[in-house]
Amino acid sequence: MHFAIETPDQPDVRTLIAELDEYQSALYPAESNHLLDIRSLCQPSVLFAVARDADGVAQGCGAVVLHTGYGEVKRMFVRPALRGRGIAGRMIAFLEKHSRSRGCRLLMLETGIKQPEAIALYRRFGYLECEPFGEYREDPLSLFMRKEL
């Protein structure tokens, strides 16, 4: 698997993001889904990473939105058929490295409580639970986490 910072505005990446949206929409009501659209992901303040297999097919993605004082992990996704192979862990490590290179020293995220694998991944990488941040409000379906880089 090869990881690189890319634009999300590519046909195969759009398909991947559509799969993520479908997955999230099946788990949570609209008011508990905090999805960024392609236009938002194309902003200069966003690091968008893609994991591609040996054939160059996009199989996973993740992003960090750089804010003043912190970065927010968004759009983490690996196709279900490839889960359990360490791709998500390599993606989060890749995003952390690129965030540090941009001067980011704190990463924060919101994830859903119906995603125990994602929560376990973040905990394994040193993310700790915290209060809502930025524009987020308390939501019984959300879990907020942070990690000092």
N, C-alpha and C. Protein backbone atom coordinates (compact mmCIF):
# COMPACT_ATOMS: atom_id res chain seq x y z
N MET A 1 0.86 -1.18 0.00
CA MET A 1 0.00 0.00 0.00
C MET A 1 0.90 1.23 0.00
N HIS A 2 0.57 2.17 -0.86
CA HIS A 2 1.33 3.42 -0.96
C HIS A 2 0.44 4.56 -0.45
N PHE A 3 1.03 5.43 0.38
CA PHE A 3 0.30 6.56 0.96
C PHE A 3 0.87 7.86 0.39
N ALA A 4 -0.01 8.78 0.03
CA ALA A 4 0.43 10.07 -0.50
C ALA A 4 -0.63 11.13 -0.23
N ILE A 5 -0.15 12.38 -0.12
CA ILE A 5 -1.07 13.51 -0.06
C ILE A 5 -1.53 13.77 -1.49
N GLU A 6 -2.84 13.78 -1.69
CA GLU A 6 -3.43 13.95 -3.01
C GLU A 6 -4.64 14.87 -2.91
N THR A 7 -5.17 15.21 -4.05
CA THR A 7 -6.44 15.94 -4.06
C THR A 7 -7.59 14.94 -3.95
N PRO A 8 -8.61 15.28 -3.20
CA PRO A 8 -9.77 14.38 -3.14
C PRO A 8 -10.65 14.47 -4.39
N ASP A 9 -10.39 15.44 -5.23
CA ASP A 9 -11.21 15.66 -6.41
C ASP A 9 -10.72 14.82 -7.59
N GLN A 10 -10.75 13.50 -7.40
CA GLN A 10 -10.39 12.53 -8.44
C GLN A 10 -11.52 11.51 -8.49
N PRO A 11 -11.85 10.97 -9.64
CA PRO A 11 -12.99 10.06 -9.73
C PRO A 11 -12.92 8.88 -8.75
N ASP A 12 -11.78 8.21 -8.65
CA ASP A 12 -11.73 7.04 -7.76
C ASP A 12 -11.78 7.44 -6.29
N VAL A 13 -11.27 8.61 -5.96
CA VAL A 13 -11.33 9.09 -4.58
C VAL A 13 -12.75 9.55 -4.25
N ARG A 14 -13.41 10.18 -5.21
CA ARG A 14 -14.82 10.55 -5.01
C ARG A 14 -15.66 9.31 -4.72
N THR A 15 -15.38 8.22 -5.43
CA THR A 15 -16.10 6.97 -5.20
C THR A 15 -15.84 6.45 -3.79
N LEU A 16 -14.60 6.51 -3.36
CA LEU A 16 -14.23 6.08 -2.01
C LEU A 16 -14.96 6.92 -0.95
N ILE A 17 -15.00 8.23 -1.14
CA ILE A 17 -15.69 9.12 -0.20
C ILE A 17 -17.19 8.85 -0.21
N ALA A 18 -17.75 8.54 -1.37
CA ALA A 18 -19.17 8.19 -1.43
C ALA A 18 -19.45 6.91 -0.64
N GLU A 19 -18.54 5.95 -0.70
CA GLU A 19 -18.69 4.72 0.10
C GLU A 19 -18.63 5.06 1.60
N LEU A 20 -17.74 5.95 1.97
CA LEU A 20 -17.65 6.38 3.37
C LEU A 20 -18.95 7.08 3.80
N ASP A 21 -19.46 7.95 2.97
CA ASP A 21 -20.71 8.65 3.30
C ASP A 21 -21.85 7.65 3.50
N GLU A 22 -21.93 6.67 2.61
CA GLU A 22 -22.97 5.65 2.71
C GLU A 22 -22.82 4.85 4.01
N TYR A 23 -21.60 4.49 4.35
CA TYR A 23 -21.32 3.75 5.58
C TYR A 23 -21.74 4.57 6.81
N GLN A 24 -21.33 5.83 6.85
CA GLN A 24 -21.66 6.70 7.99
C GLN A 24 -23.17 6.93 8.09
N SER A 25 -23.81 7.14 6.95
CA SER A 25 -25.25 7.42 6.95
C SER A 25 -26.07 6.22 7.44
N ALA A 26 -25.54 5.03 7.25
CA ALA A 26 -26.23 3.83 7.74
C ALA A 26 -26.11 3.70 9.26
N LEU A 27 -25.07 4.29 9.84
CA LEU A 27 -24.83 4.17 11.28
C LEU A 27 -25.46 5.29 12.11
N TYR A 28 -25.52 6.51 11.55
CA TYR A 28 -25.88 7.68 12.34
C TYR A 28 -26.91 8.55 11.62
N PRO A 29 -27.76 9.24 12.38
CA PRO A 29 -28.69 10.19 11.76
C PRO A 29 -27.91 11.40 11.22
N ALA A 30 -28.52 12.13 10.32
CA ALA A 30 -27.86 13.26 9.67
C ALA A 30 -27.27 14.26 10.68
N GLU A 31 -27.99 14.52 11.78
CA GLU A 31 -27.50 15.51 12.73
C GLU A 31 -26.26 15.05 13.50
N SER A 32 -25.96 13.76 13.44
CA SER A 32 -24.76 13.24 14.10
C SER A 32 -23.65 12.89 13.09
N ASN A 33 -23.87 13.21 11.84
CA ASN A 33 -22.85 13.01 10.80
C ASN A 33 -22.20 14.35 10.49
N HIS A 34 -20.90 14.42 10.67
CA HIS A 34 -20.16 15.67 10.47
C HIS A 34 -19.22 15.49 9.29
N LEU A 35 -19.82 15.35 8.10
CA LEU A 35 -19.06 15.02 6.91
C LEU A 35 -18.59 16.28 6.19
N LEU A 36 -17.38 16.24 5.68
CA LEU A 36 -16.88 17.33 4.84
C LEU A 36 -17.05 16.92 3.38
N ASP A 37 -17.54 17.85 2.57
CA ASP A 37 -17.70 17.55 1.15
C ASP A 37 -16.38 17.73 0.42
N ILE A 38 -16.37 17.36 -0.85
CA ILE A 38 -15.16 17.41 -1.66
C ILE A 38 -14.60 18.83 -1.71
N ARG A 39 -15.46 19.80 -1.92
CA ARG A 39 -14.99 21.20 -1.99
C ARG A 39 -14.26 21.60 -0.72
N SER A 40 -14.82 21.24 0.44
CA SER A 40 -14.17 21.56 1.71
C SER A 40 -12.84 20.84 1.86
N LEU A 41 -12.77 19.60 1.37
CA LEU A 41 -11.54 18.82 1.47
C LEU A 41 -10.44 19.33 0.53
N CYS A 42 -10.80 20.15 -0.45
CA CYS A 42 -9.82 20.69 -1.40
C CYS A 42 -9.19 21.99 -0.93
N GLN A 43 -9.54 22.47 0.25
CA GLN A 43 -9.01 23.73 0.75
C GLN A 43 -7.53 23.59 1.10
N PRO A 44 -6.75 24.68 1.01
CA PRO A 44 -5.32 24.63 1.32
C PRO A 44 -5.01 24.22 2.77
N SER A 45 -5.97 24.40 3.66
CA SER A 45 -5.75 24.05 5.07
C SER A 45 -5.99 22.56 5.35
N VAL A 46 -6.23 21.76 4.31
CA VAL A 46 -6.53 20.35 4.49
C VAL A 46 -5.41 19.49 3.90
N LEU A 47 -4.93 18.57 4.73
CA LEU A 47 -4.03 17.52 4.26
C LEU A 47 -4.90 16.32 3.96
N PHE A 48 -4.99 15.92 2.71
CA PHE A 48 -5.83 14.79 2.34
C PHE A 48 -4.93 13.68 1.83
N ALA A 49 -4.99 12.51 2.47
CA ALA A 49 -4.12 11.39 2.12
C ALA A 49 -4.94 10.25 1.53
N VAL A 50 -4.31 9.56 0.59
CA VAL A 50 -4.94 8.41 -0.06
C VAL A 50 -4.00 7.22 0.05
N ALA A 51 -4.57 6.06 0.36
CA ALA A 51 -3.84 4.80 0.36
C ALA A 51 -4.22 4.07 -0.93
N ARG A 52 -3.21 3.75 -1.73
CA ARG A 52 -3.44 3.06 -3.01
C ARG A 52 -2.75 1.71 -2.99
N ASP A 53 -3.42 0.72 -3.58
CA ASP A 53 -2.84 -0.61 -3.65
C ASP A 53 -1.82 -0.68 -4.79
N ALA A 54 -1.25 -1.85 -5.01
CA ALA A 54 -0.21 -2.02 -6.03
C ALA A 54 -0.70 -1.69 -7.43
N ASP A 55 -2.00 -1.77 -7.65
CA ASP A 55 -2.57 -1.43 -8.96
C ASP A 55 -2.95 0.05 -9.06
N GLY A 56 -2.68 0.81 -8.00
CA GLY A 56 -3.00 2.24 -8.01
C GLY A 56 -4.43 2.57 -7.66
N VAL A 57 -5.18 1.59 -7.16
CA VAL A 57 -6.58 1.81 -6.81
C VAL A 57 -6.68 2.39 -5.40
N ALA A 58 -7.43 3.46 -5.25
CA ALA A 58 -7.64 4.08 -3.93
C ALA A 58 -8.42 3.12 -3.05
N GLN A 59 -7.83 2.73 -1.92
CA GLN A 59 -8.46 1.77 -1.00
C GLN A 59 -8.74 2.37 0.37
N GLY A 60 -8.19 3.55 0.64
CA GLY A 60 -8.40 4.20 1.92
C GLY A 60 -8.06 5.67 1.83
N CYS A 61 -8.55 6.42 2.81
CA CYS A 61 -8.26 7.85 2.83
C CYS A 61 -8.33 8.36 4.26
N GLY A 62 -7.85 9.57 4.42
CA GLY A 62 -7.90 10.26 5.70
C GLY A 62 -7.49 11.70 5.48
N ALA A 63 -7.88 12.56 6.38
CA ALA A 63 -7.56 13.98 6.23
C ALA A 63 -7.29 14.60 7.59
N VAL A 64 -6.56 15.70 7.55
CA VAL A 64 -6.41 16.57 8.72
C VAL A 64 -6.73 17.98 8.25
N VAL A 65 -7.70 18.60 8.93
CA VAL A 65 -8.03 20.00 8.68
C VAL A 65 -7.23 20.80 9.69
N LEU A 66 -6.34 21.66 9.19
CA LEU A 66 -5.47 22.46 10.06
C LEU A 66 -6.21 23.72 10.49
N HIS A 67 -6.41 23.85 11.80
CA HIS A 67 -7.03 25.03 12.39
C HIS A 67 -5.95 25.76 13.19
N THR A 68 -6.26 26.93 13.68
CA THR A 68 -5.33 27.63 14.56
C THR A 68 -5.22 26.84 15.87
N GLY A 69 -4.04 26.33 16.16
CA GLY A 69 -3.80 25.65 17.42
C GLY A 69 -3.99 24.14 17.41
N TYR A 70 -4.62 23.59 16.39
CA TYR A 70 -4.82 22.14 16.33
C TYR A 70 -5.21 21.70 14.92
N GLY A 71 -5.11 20.42 14.70
CA GLY A 71 -5.59 19.81 13.47
C GLY A 71 -6.71 18.84 13.82
N GLU A 72 -7.67 18.71 12.93
CA GLU A 72 -8.78 17.78 13.16
C GLU A 72 -8.72 16.63 12.16
N VAL A 73 -8.65 15.42 12.67
CA VAL A 73 -8.66 14.23 11.83
C VAL A 73 -10.08 14.03 11.30
N LYS A 74 -10.18 13.86 9.99
CA LYS A 74 -11.47 13.68 9.33
C LYS A 74 -11.34 12.61 8.26
N ARG A 75 -12.47 12.09 7.84
CA ARG A 75 -12.59 11.24 6.65
C ARG A 75 -11.70 10.01 6.63
N MET A 76 -11.44 9.44 7.81
CA MET A 76 -10.67 8.19 7.89
C MET A 76 -11.55 7.05 7.40
N PHE A 77 -11.04 6.29 6.42
CA PHE A 77 -11.82 5.19 5.86
C PHE A 77 -10.91 4.22 5.13
N VAL A 78 -11.17 2.95 5.35
CA VAL A 78 -10.53 1.87 4.59
C VAL A 78 -11.67 0.98 4.11
N ARG A 79 -11.60 0.59 2.85
CA ARG A 79 -12.64 -0.29 2.32
C ARG A 79 -12.77 -1.53 3.21
N PRO A 80 -14.01 -1.96 3.49
CA PRO A 80 -14.23 -3.10 4.41
C PRO A 80 -13.44 -4.36 4.07
N ALA A 81 -13.28 -4.68 2.81
CA ALA A 81 -12.58 -5.91 2.42
C ALA A 81 -11.11 -5.90 2.82
N LEU A 82 -10.56 -4.70 3.09
CA LEU A 82 -9.14 -4.58 3.41
C LEU A 82 -8.88 -4.25 4.88
N ARG A 83 -9.92 -4.21 5.67
CA ARG A 83 -9.74 -3.89 7.09
C ARG A 83 -9.02 -5.02 7.80
N GLY A 84 -8.33 -4.67 8.88
CA GLY A 84 -7.59 -5.65 9.66
C GLY A 84 -6.19 -5.90 9.15
N ARG A 85 -5.73 -5.12 8.20
CA ARG A 85 -4.39 -5.29 7.62
C ARG A 85 -3.43 -4.18 8.01
N GLY A 86 -3.85 -3.31 8.93
CA GLY A 86 -2.97 -2.24 9.40
C GLY A 86 -2.96 -0.99 8.55
N ILE A 87 -3.85 -0.92 7.57
CA ILE A 87 -3.87 0.24 6.67
C ILE A 87 -4.27 1.50 7.42
N ALA A 88 -5.30 1.41 8.25
CA ALA A 88 -5.75 2.59 9.00
C ALA A 88 -4.67 3.09 9.95
N GLY A 89 -3.95 2.18 10.58
CA GLY A 89 -2.85 2.58 11.47
C GLY A 89 -1.75 3.28 10.70
N ARG A 90 -1.43 2.77 9.54
CA ARG A 90 -0.41 3.42 8.71
C ARG A 90 -0.90 4.78 8.22
N MET A 91 -2.21 4.88 7.96
CA MET A 91 -2.77 6.16 7.53
C MET A 91 -2.69 7.20 8.64
N ILE A 92 -3.05 6.81 9.86
CA ILE A 92 -3.01 7.80 10.95
C ILE A 92 -1.57 8.22 11.22
N ALA A 93 -0.62 7.29 11.17
CA ALA A 93 0.79 7.64 11.35
C ALA A 93 1.26 8.59 10.24
N PHE A 94 0.84 8.34 9.01
CA PHE A 94 1.17 9.19 7.87
C PHE A 94 0.62 10.60 8.08
N LEU A 95 -0.64 10.68 8.50
CA LEU A 95 -1.26 11.99 8.73
C LEU A 95 -0.60 12.73 9.89
N GLU A 96 -0.24 12.01 10.95
CA GLU A 96 0.45 12.65 12.08
C GLU A 96 1.78 13.23 11.63
N LYS A 97 2.53 12.47 10.85
CA LYS A 97 3.84 12.94 10.35
C LYS A 97 3.68 14.21 9.52
N HIS A 98 2.72 14.21 8.61
CA HIS A 98 2.52 15.38 7.75
C HIS A 98 1.95 16.56 8.53
N SER A 99 1.16 16.30 9.54
CA SER A 99 0.64 17.38 10.38
C SER A 99 1.79 18.04 11.15
N ARG A 100 2.67 17.22 11.72
CA ARG A 100 3.84 17.77 12.44
C ARG A 100 4.70 18.62 11.50
N SER A 101 4.86 18.15 10.26
CA SER A 101 5.69 18.90 9.31
C SER A 101 5.08 20.26 8.97
N ARG A 102 3.78 20.42 9.19
CA ARG A 102 3.10 21.70 8.96
C ARG A 102 2.99 22.51 10.26
N GLY A 103 3.67 22.06 11.33
CA GLY A 103 3.69 22.80 12.58
C GLY A 103 2.57 22.46 13.54
N CYS A 104 1.76 21.48 13.21
CA CYS A 104 0.65 21.09 14.08
C CYS A 104 1.18 20.24 15.23
N ARG A 105 0.82 20.59 16.45
CA ARG A 105 1.28 19.86 17.63
C ARG A 105 0.16 19.19 18.41
N LEU A 106 -1.09 19.34 17.94
CA LEU A 106 -2.24 18.74 18.61
C LEU A 106 -3.24 18.28 17.55
N LEU A 107 -3.63 17.01 17.63
CA LEU A 107 -4.68 16.50 16.76
C LEU A 107 -5.90 16.18 17.59
N MET A 108 -7.06 16.50 17.05
CA MET A 108 -8.33 16.23 17.72
C MET A 108 -9.23 15.54 16.71
N LEU A 109 -10.25 14.84 17.22
CA LEU A 109 -11.17 14.17 16.32
C LEU A 109 -12.49 13.91 17.00
N GLU A 110 -13.48 13.70 16.17
CA GLU A 110 -14.80 13.24 16.60
C GLU A 110 -15.05 11.96 15.84
N THR A 111 -15.46 10.93 16.57
CA THR A 111 -15.84 9.68 15.94
C THR A 111 -17.13 9.20 16.57
N GLY A 112 -17.77 8.27 15.92
CA GLY A 112 -19.04 7.77 16.43
C GLY A 112 -18.87 6.59 17.36
N ILE A 113 -19.77 6.49 18.31
CA ILE A 113 -19.70 5.41 19.30
C ILE A 113 -20.03 4.04 18.71
N LYS A 114 -20.58 4.00 17.51
CA LYS A 114 -20.92 2.72 16.86
C LYS A 114 -19.76 2.20 16.01
N GLN A 115 -18.57 2.74 16.23
CA GLN A 115 -17.39 2.33 15.48
C GLN A 115 -16.28 1.90 16.44
N PRO A 116 -16.47 0.77 17.11
CA PRO A 116 -15.48 0.35 18.12
C PRO A 116 -14.09 0.10 17.55
N GLU A 117 -14.00 -0.33 16.29
CA GLU A 117 -12.67 -0.55 15.69
C GLU A 117 -11.92 0.77 15.55
N ALA A 118 -12.62 1.82 15.14
CA ALA A 118 -12.00 3.13 14.99
C ALA A 118 -11.56 3.66 16.36
N ILE A 119 -12.42 3.51 17.35
CA ILE A 119 -12.09 3.97 18.69
C ILE A 119 -10.86 3.22 19.21
N ALA A 120 -10.81 1.92 19.01
CA ALA A 120 -9.66 1.11 19.44
C ALA A 120 -8.39 1.56 18.72
N LEU A 121 -8.49 1.85 17.43
CA LEU A 121 -7.34 2.32 16.67
C LEU A 121 -6.81 3.61 17.27
N TYR A 122 -7.67 4.58 17.49
CA TYR A 122 -7.23 5.86 18.03
C TYR A 122 -6.62 5.69 19.42
N ARG A 123 -7.22 4.88 20.25
CA ARG A 123 -6.65 4.64 21.58
C ARG A 123 -5.27 4.00 21.47
N ARG A 124 -5.12 3.04 20.56
CA ARG A 124 -3.84 2.37 20.35
C ARG A 124 -2.76 3.37 19.94
N PHE A 125 -3.15 4.41 19.24
CA PHE A 125 -2.20 5.43 18.78
C PHE A 125 -2.07 6.59 19.77
N GLY A 126 -2.62 6.45 20.96
CA GLY A 126 -2.41 7.43 22.01
C GLY A 126 -3.43 8.54 22.10
N TYR A 127 -4.54 8.43 21.43
CA TYR A 127 -5.59 9.44 21.52
C TYR A 127 -6.39 9.21 22.80
N LEU A 128 -6.68 10.30 23.48
CA LEU A 128 -7.41 10.25 24.75
C LEU A 128 -8.74 10.98 24.60
N GLU A 129 -9.74 10.51 25.32
CA GLU A 129 -11.05 11.15 25.27
C GLU A 129 -10.96 12.57 25.81
N CYS A 130 -11.78 13.46 25.24
CA CYS A 130 -11.80 14.86 25.67
C CYS A 130 -13.21 15.42 25.47
N GLU A 131 -13.35 16.67 25.79
CA GLU A 131 -14.61 17.38 25.62
C GLU A 131 -14.80 17.77 24.16
N PRO A 132 -16.02 18.09 23.76
CA PRO A 132 -16.23 18.61 22.40
C PRO A 132 -15.34 19.83 22.16
N PHE A 133 -14.96 20.02 20.92
CA PHE A 133 -14.06 21.12 20.56
C PHE A 133 -14.61 21.83 19.33
N GLY A 134 -14.04 22.98 19.02
CA GLY A 134 -14.44 23.72 17.83
C GLY A 134 -15.94 23.97 17.80
N GLU A 135 -16.58 23.62 16.70
CA GLU A 135 -18.02 23.85 16.52
C GLU A 135 -18.87 22.71 17.07
N TYR A 136 -18.25 21.65 17.56
CA TYR A 136 -19.00 20.48 18.03
C TYR A 136 -19.72 20.78 19.34
N ARG A 137 -20.82 20.09 19.53
CA ARG A 137 -21.58 20.14 20.79
C ARG A 137 -21.71 18.71 21.29
N GLU A 138 -22.10 18.57 22.54
CA GLU A 138 -22.33 17.22 23.10
C GLU A 138 -23.31 16.48 22.21
N ASP A 139 -23.01 15.20 22.00
CA ASP A 139 -23.87 14.34 21.20
C ASP A 139 -23.70 12.93 21.77
N PRO A 140 -24.78 12.28 22.17
CA PRO A 140 -24.64 10.95 22.75
C PRO A 140 -24.06 9.91 21.78
N LEU A 141 -24.04 10.23 20.49
CA LEU A 141 -23.49 9.30 19.50
C LEU A 141 -22.04 9.62 19.13
N SER A 142 -21.48 10.69 19.74
CA SER A 142 -20.12 11.11 19.42
C SER A 142 -19.15 10.87 20.57
N LEU A 143 -17.91 10.60 20.19
CA LEU A 143 -16.80 10.51 21.12
C LEU A 143 -15.73 11.45 20.59
N PHE A 144 -15.19 12.29 21.46
CA PHE A 144 -14.16 13.25 21.09
C PHE A 144 -12.83 12.80 21.68
N MET A 145 -11.77 12.97 20.88
CA MET A 145 -10.45 12.51 21.32
C MET A 145 -9.40 13.50 20.89
N ARG A 146 -8.21 13.43 21.56
CA ARG A 146 -7.11 14.33 21.25
C ARG A 146 -5.78 13.65 21.48
N LYS A 147 -4.76 14.15 20.81
CA LYS A 147 -3.41 13.63 20.99
C LYS A 147 -2.41 14.76 20.76
N GLU A 148 -1.50 14.91 21.71
CA GLU A 148 -0.39 15.84 21.54
C GLU A 148 0.64 15.16 20.65
N LEU A 149 1.12 15.87 19.65
CA LEU A 149 2.12 15.30 18.74
C LEU A 149 3.53 15.65 19.22
